[in-house]
Amino acid sequence: MNIDSTKFKNALVTIVKKVRQMEEDLLAQQIFLDSLRQLGIGDDIDSRLAMVKGSSAVQQALVQKYDEPLEKVLSTIDDIELDQQLTEFLEKWNPKDGPAN
């Protein structure tokens, strides 16, 4: 599969920016929750977060948002590579010493 370096770089920049933004949000939330713990507010924050994180609603949302699209993209990439391999084979195939296709 041929990769357009400009598109790949743009995609990589977009991914890194999104991950950075998510980490910034996560760090801010962690600091906020730590400050609540230090104030003695919401002693059960960790258990509540764990409960919500493990809930079927959260897991289903994550599967739909990340797992399913990722599988689709990976499958598409496999299909593209297979198509390219088949095309290359057919272009070079020389049945019974005849002309190439």
N, C-alpha and C. Protein backbone atom coordinates (compact mmCIF):
# COMPACT_ATOMS: atom_id res chain seq x y z
N MET A 1 0.84 -1.17 0.00
CA MET A 1 0.00 0.00 0.00
C MET A 1 0.89 1.23 0.00
N ASN A 2 0.62 2.14 -0.90
CA ASN A 2 1.35 3.40 -0.96
C ASN A 2 0.75 4.38 0.03
N ILE A 3 1.61 5.04 0.77
CA ILE A 3 1.15 6.00 1.78
C ILE A 3 1.55 7.40 1.34
N ASP A 4 0.58 8.29 1.30
CA ASP A 4 0.83 9.69 0.99
C ASP A 4 1.43 10.31 2.26
N SER A 5 2.71 10.69 2.20
CA SER A 5 3.39 11.18 3.40
C SER A 5 2.75 12.44 3.97
N THR A 6 2.24 13.32 3.12
CA THR A 6 1.61 14.55 3.61
C THR A 6 0.33 14.21 4.38
N LYS A 7 -0.50 13.33 3.81
CA LYS A 7 -1.73 12.93 4.50
C LYS A 7 -1.41 12.19 5.80
N PHE A 8 -0.38 11.35 5.76
CA PHE A 8 0.01 10.60 6.95
C PHE A 8 0.48 11.55 8.05
N LYS A 9 1.29 12.53 7.68
CA LYS A 9 1.78 13.52 8.66
C LYS A 9 0.62 14.32 9.24
N ASN A 10 -0.32 14.74 8.38
CA ASN A 10 -1.48 15.49 8.86
C ASN A 10 -2.32 14.65 9.82
N ALA A 11 -2.50 13.39 9.48
CA ALA A 11 -3.27 12.50 10.36
C ALA A 11 -2.55 12.32 11.69
N LEU A 12 -1.24 12.15 11.64
CA LEU A 12 -0.46 11.98 12.86
C LEU A 12 -0.53 13.22 13.74
N VAL A 13 -0.43 14.40 13.15
CA VAL A 13 -0.54 15.66 13.90
C VAL A 13 -1.91 15.75 14.55
N THR A 14 -2.95 15.41 13.81
CA THR A 14 -4.32 15.45 14.35
C THR A 14 -4.46 14.50 15.53
N ILE A 15 -3.94 13.29 15.39
CA ILE A 15 -4.03 12.31 16.47
C ILE A 15 -3.29 12.80 17.71
N VAL A 16 -2.07 13.30 17.54
CA VAL A 16 -1.29 13.76 18.68
C VAL A 16 -1.97 14.94 19.36
N LYS A 17 -2.52 15.86 18.58
CA LYS A 17 -3.25 17.01 19.17
C LYS A 17 -4.44 16.53 19.99
N LYS A 18 -5.20 15.55 19.47
CA LYS A 18 -6.36 15.03 20.20
C LYS A 18 -5.93 14.33 21.49
N VAL A 19 -4.88 13.50 21.40
CA VAL A 19 -4.39 12.80 22.59
C VAL A 19 -3.90 13.81 23.63
N ARG A 20 -3.20 14.84 23.18
CA ARG A 20 -2.72 15.88 24.09
C ARG A 20 -3.88 16.58 24.76
N GLN A 21 -4.92 16.91 23.99
CA GLN A 21 -6.09 17.58 24.55
C GLN A 21 -6.79 16.68 25.57
N MET A 22 -6.91 15.39 25.25
CA MET A 22 -7.55 14.46 26.19
C MET A 22 -6.73 14.32 27.46
N GLU A 23 -5.40 14.27 27.31
CA GLU A 23 -4.55 14.16 28.49
C GLU A 23 -4.63 15.42 29.34
N GLU A 24 -4.72 16.58 28.69
CA GLU A 24 -4.87 17.83 29.43
C GLU A 24 -6.17 17.80 30.25
N ASP A 25 -7.25 17.37 29.63
CA ASP A 25 -8.53 17.26 30.34
C ASP A 25 -8.44 16.27 31.49
N LEU A 26 -7.81 15.13 31.22
CA LEU A 26 -7.68 14.09 32.25
C LEU A 26 -6.85 14.58 33.43
N LEU A 27 -5.74 15.24 33.14
CA LEU A 27 -4.89 15.76 34.22
C LEU A 27 -5.63 16.81 35.05
N ALA A 28 -6.37 17.68 34.39
CA ALA A 28 -7.14 18.70 35.11
C ALA A 28 -8.19 18.05 36.01
N GLN A 29 -8.84 17.02 35.50
CA GLN A 29 -9.85 16.32 36.31
C GLN A 29 -9.21 15.59 37.48
N GLN A 30 -8.04 14.97 37.24
CA GLN A 30 -7.35 14.28 38.33
C GLN A 30 -6.93 15.26 39.43
N ILE A 31 -6.42 16.41 39.03
CA ILE A 31 -6.01 17.42 40.01
C ILE A 31 -7.23 17.92 40.79
N PHE A 32 -8.33 18.13 40.09
CA PHE A 32 -9.57 18.57 40.74
C PHE A 32 -10.05 17.52 41.74
N LEU A 33 -10.08 16.26 41.33
CA LEU A 33 -10.52 15.19 42.23
C LEU A 33 -9.57 15.05 43.42
N ASP A 34 -8.27 15.18 43.19
CA ASP A 34 -7.31 15.13 44.29
C ASP A 34 -7.56 16.26 45.29
N SER A 35 -7.90 17.43 44.78
CA SER A 35 -8.18 18.55 45.70
C SER A 35 -9.44 18.28 46.51
N LEU A 36 -10.45 17.63 45.90
CA LEU A 36 -11.66 17.27 46.66
C LEU A 36 -11.33 16.25 47.75
N ARG A 37 -10.47 15.28 47.41
CA ARG A 37 -10.07 14.28 48.40
C ARG A 37 -9.34 14.94 49.58
N GLN A 38 -8.46 15.89 49.27
CA GLN A 38 -7.70 16.56 50.32
C GLN A 38 -8.62 17.37 51.23
N LEU A 39 -9.73 17.86 50.66
CA LEU A 39 -10.69 18.61 51.46
C LEU A 39 -11.65 17.69 52.22
N GLY A 40 -11.54 16.38 51.94
CA GLY A 40 -12.42 15.42 52.61
C GLY A 40 -13.81 15.36 51.99
N ILE A 41 -13.94 15.87 50.80
CA ILE A 41 -15.24 15.86 50.11
C ILE A 41 -15.27 14.67 49.16
N GLY A 42 -16.33 13.92 49.24
CA GLY A 42 -16.50 12.81 48.30
C GLY A 42 -15.50 11.70 48.51
N ASP A 43 -15.52 11.14 49.72
CA ASP A 43 -14.58 10.07 50.04
C ASP A 43 -14.74 8.83 49.14
N ASP A 44 -15.90 8.68 48.56
CA ASP A 44 -16.16 7.50 47.73
C ASP A 44 -15.99 7.78 46.23
N ILE A 45 -15.25 8.84 45.90
CA ILE A 45 -15.05 9.22 44.50
C ILE A 45 -14.45 8.08 43.69
N ASP A 46 -13.40 7.45 44.23
CA ASP A 46 -12.71 6.40 43.48
C ASP A 46 -13.62 5.21 43.19
N SER A 47 -14.39 4.81 44.18
CA SER A 47 -15.28 3.66 43.96
C SER A 47 -16.40 4.01 42.98
N ARG A 48 -16.88 5.24 43.06
CA ARG A 48 -17.92 5.67 42.11
C ARG A 48 -17.37 5.74 40.69
N LEU A 49 -16.16 6.27 40.53
CA LEU A 49 -15.54 6.34 39.21
C LEU A 49 -15.33 4.94 38.64
N ALA A 50 -14.86 4.03 39.46
CA ALA A 50 -14.64 2.65 39.01
C ALA A 50 -15.96 2.01 38.58
N MET A 51 -17.01 2.28 39.34
CA MET A 51 -18.32 1.72 39.02
C MET A 51 -18.82 2.25 37.68
N VAL A 52 -18.71 3.55 37.48
CA VAL A 52 -19.17 4.16 36.23
C VAL A 52 -18.31 3.68 35.06
N LYS A 53 -17.00 3.64 35.26
CA LYS A 53 -16.08 3.22 34.19
C LYS A 53 -16.40 1.79 33.74
N GLY A 54 -16.75 0.93 34.66
CA GLY A 54 -17.04 -0.46 34.32
C GLY A 54 -18.47 -0.71 33.89
N SER A 55 -19.28 0.32 33.85
CA SER A 55 -20.69 0.12 33.51
C SER A 55 -20.85 -0.28 32.05
N SER A 56 -21.91 -1.00 31.77
CA SER A 56 -22.15 -1.45 30.40
C SER A 56 -22.42 -0.27 29.47
N ALA A 57 -23.03 0.78 29.98
CA ALA A 57 -23.32 1.95 29.14
C ALA A 57 -22.01 2.59 28.65
N VAL A 58 -21.05 2.74 29.55
CA VAL A 58 -19.76 3.33 29.17
C VAL A 58 -19.04 2.40 28.20
N GLN A 59 -19.01 1.12 28.51
CA GLN A 59 -18.30 0.16 27.65
C GLN A 59 -18.93 0.08 26.26
N GLN A 60 -20.26 0.09 26.19
CA GLN A 60 -20.94 0.06 24.88
C GLN A 60 -20.62 1.32 24.08
N ALA A 61 -20.61 2.46 24.75
CA ALA A 61 -20.31 3.72 24.06
C ALA A 61 -18.89 3.70 23.50
N LEU A 62 -17.95 3.16 24.25
CA LEU A 62 -16.57 3.08 23.80
C LEU A 62 -16.40 2.11 22.64
N VAL A 63 -17.10 0.98 22.70
CA VAL A 63 -17.04 0.01 21.60
C VAL A 63 -17.57 0.65 20.33
N GLN A 64 -18.70 1.33 20.44
CA GLN A 64 -19.29 1.97 19.25
C GLN A 64 -18.42 3.11 18.73
N LYS A 65 -17.81 3.85 19.62
CA LYS A 65 -17.04 5.02 19.19
C LYS A 65 -15.65 4.66 18.70
N TYR A 66 -15.03 3.62 19.28
CA TYR A 66 -13.64 3.32 18.95
C TYR A 66 -13.43 1.95 18.32
N ASP A 67 -13.93 0.90 18.95
CA ASP A 67 -13.62 -0.45 18.50
C ASP A 67 -14.20 -0.76 17.12
N GLU A 68 -15.48 -0.48 16.93
CA GLU A 68 -16.13 -0.78 15.66
C GLU A 68 -15.52 0.00 14.49
N PRO A 69 -15.33 1.33 14.62
CA PRO A 69 -14.69 2.06 13.51
C PRO A 69 -13.26 1.59 13.25
N LEU A 70 -12.52 1.26 14.30
CA LEU A 70 -11.15 0.78 14.12
C LEU A 70 -11.13 -0.53 13.33
N GLU A 71 -12.01 -1.44 13.69
CA GLU A 71 -12.09 -2.72 12.96
C GLU A 71 -12.43 -2.48 11.50
N LYS A 72 -13.32 -1.54 11.24
CA LYS A 72 -13.71 -1.24 9.87
C LYS A 72 -12.52 -0.69 9.07
N VAL A 73 -11.77 0.22 9.68
CA VAL A 73 -10.61 0.80 9.01
C VAL A 73 -9.56 -0.27 8.75
N LEU A 74 -9.29 -1.10 9.75
CA LEU A 74 -8.29 -2.16 9.57
C LEU A 74 -8.70 -3.14 8.48
N SER A 75 -9.98 -3.47 8.43
CA SER A 75 -10.49 -4.35 7.39
C SER A 75 -10.35 -3.71 6.01
N THR A 76 -10.63 -2.43 5.94
CA THR A 76 -10.50 -1.70 4.67
C THR A 76 -9.05 -1.71 4.20
N ILE A 77 -8.13 -1.51 5.13
CA ILE A 77 -6.70 -1.54 4.79
C ILE A 77 -6.32 -2.91 4.26
N ASP A 78 -6.81 -3.96 4.92
CA ASP A 78 -6.54 -5.32 4.44
C ASP A 78 -7.09 -5.52 3.04
N ASP A 79 -8.30 -5.02 2.79
CA ASP A 79 -8.91 -5.14 1.46
C ASP A 79 -8.10 -4.41 0.40
N ILE A 80 -7.61 -3.22 0.74
CA ILE A 80 -6.80 -2.44 -0.20
C ILE A 80 -5.53 -3.19 -0.54
N GLU A 81 -4.87 -3.74 0.49
CA GLU A 81 -3.63 -4.48 0.25
C GLU A 81 -3.90 -5.72 -0.60
N LEU A 82 -5.00 -6.42 -0.33
CA LEU A 82 -5.35 -7.59 -1.12
C LEU A 82 -5.63 -7.21 -2.57
N ASP A 83 -6.36 -6.11 -2.77
CA ASP A 83 -6.64 -5.64 -4.12
C ASP A 83 -5.34 -5.31 -4.86
N GLN A 84 -4.41 -4.67 -4.17
CA GLN A 84 -3.14 -4.31 -4.80
C GLN A 84 -2.33 -5.56 -5.15
N GLN A 85 -2.33 -6.54 -4.25
CA GLN A 85 -1.60 -7.77 -4.52
C GLN A 85 -2.22 -8.52 -5.71
N LEU A 86 -3.55 -8.58 -5.75
CA LEU A 86 -4.23 -9.25 -6.85
C LEU A 86 -3.96 -8.54 -8.17
N THR A 87 -4.00 -7.22 -8.15
CA THR A 87 -3.73 -6.44 -9.37
C THR A 87 -2.31 -6.70 -9.85
N GLU A 88 -1.35 -6.68 -8.94
CA GLU A 88 0.04 -6.95 -9.32
C GLU A 88 0.19 -8.35 -9.90
N PHE A 89 -0.45 -9.33 -9.28
CA PHE A 89 -0.38 -10.70 -9.77
C PHE A 89 -0.96 -10.80 -11.18
N LEU A 90 -2.14 -10.22 -11.38
CA LEU A 90 -2.79 -10.31 -12.69
C LEU A 90 -1.99 -9.59 -13.77
N GLU A 91 -1.35 -8.50 -13.40
CA GLU A 91 -0.54 -7.77 -14.38
C GLU A 91 0.68 -8.58 -14.81
N LYS A 92 1.21 -9.39 -13.92
CA LYS A 92 2.41 -10.16 -14.21
C LYS A 92 2.11 -11.59 -14.66
N TRP A 93 0.88 -12.03 -14.46
CA TRP A 93 0.51 -13.41 -14.74
C TRP A 93 0.64 -13.70 -16.22
N ASN A 94 1.26 -14.82 -16.52
CA ASN A 94 1.56 -15.19 -17.89
C ASN A 94 1.10 -16.64 -18.11
N PRO A 95 -0.22 -16.88 -18.25
CA PRO A 95 -0.69 -18.26 -18.36
C PRO A 95 -0.17 -18.93 -19.63
N LYS A 96 0.33 -20.13 -19.49
CA LYS A 96 0.79 -20.94 -20.62
C LYS A 96 1.75 -20.17 -21.52
N ASP A 97 2.63 -19.42 -20.91
CA ASP A 97 3.64 -18.67 -21.66
C ASP A 97 3.05 -17.69 -22.66
N GLY A 98 1.86 -17.23 -22.42
CA GLY A 98 1.22 -16.24 -23.29
C GLY A 98 1.66 -14.85 -22.88
N PRO A 99 1.08 -13.85 -23.50
CA PRO A 99 1.42 -12.47 -23.15
C PRO A 99 0.90 -12.10 -21.76
N ALA A 100 1.57 -11.18 -21.13
CA ALA A 100 1.12 -10.70 -19.81
C ALA A 100 -0.21 -9.97 -19.98
N ASN A 101 -1.03 -9.99 -18.93
CA ASN A 101 -2.35 -9.34 -18.99
C ASN A 101 -2.23 -7.85 -18.89
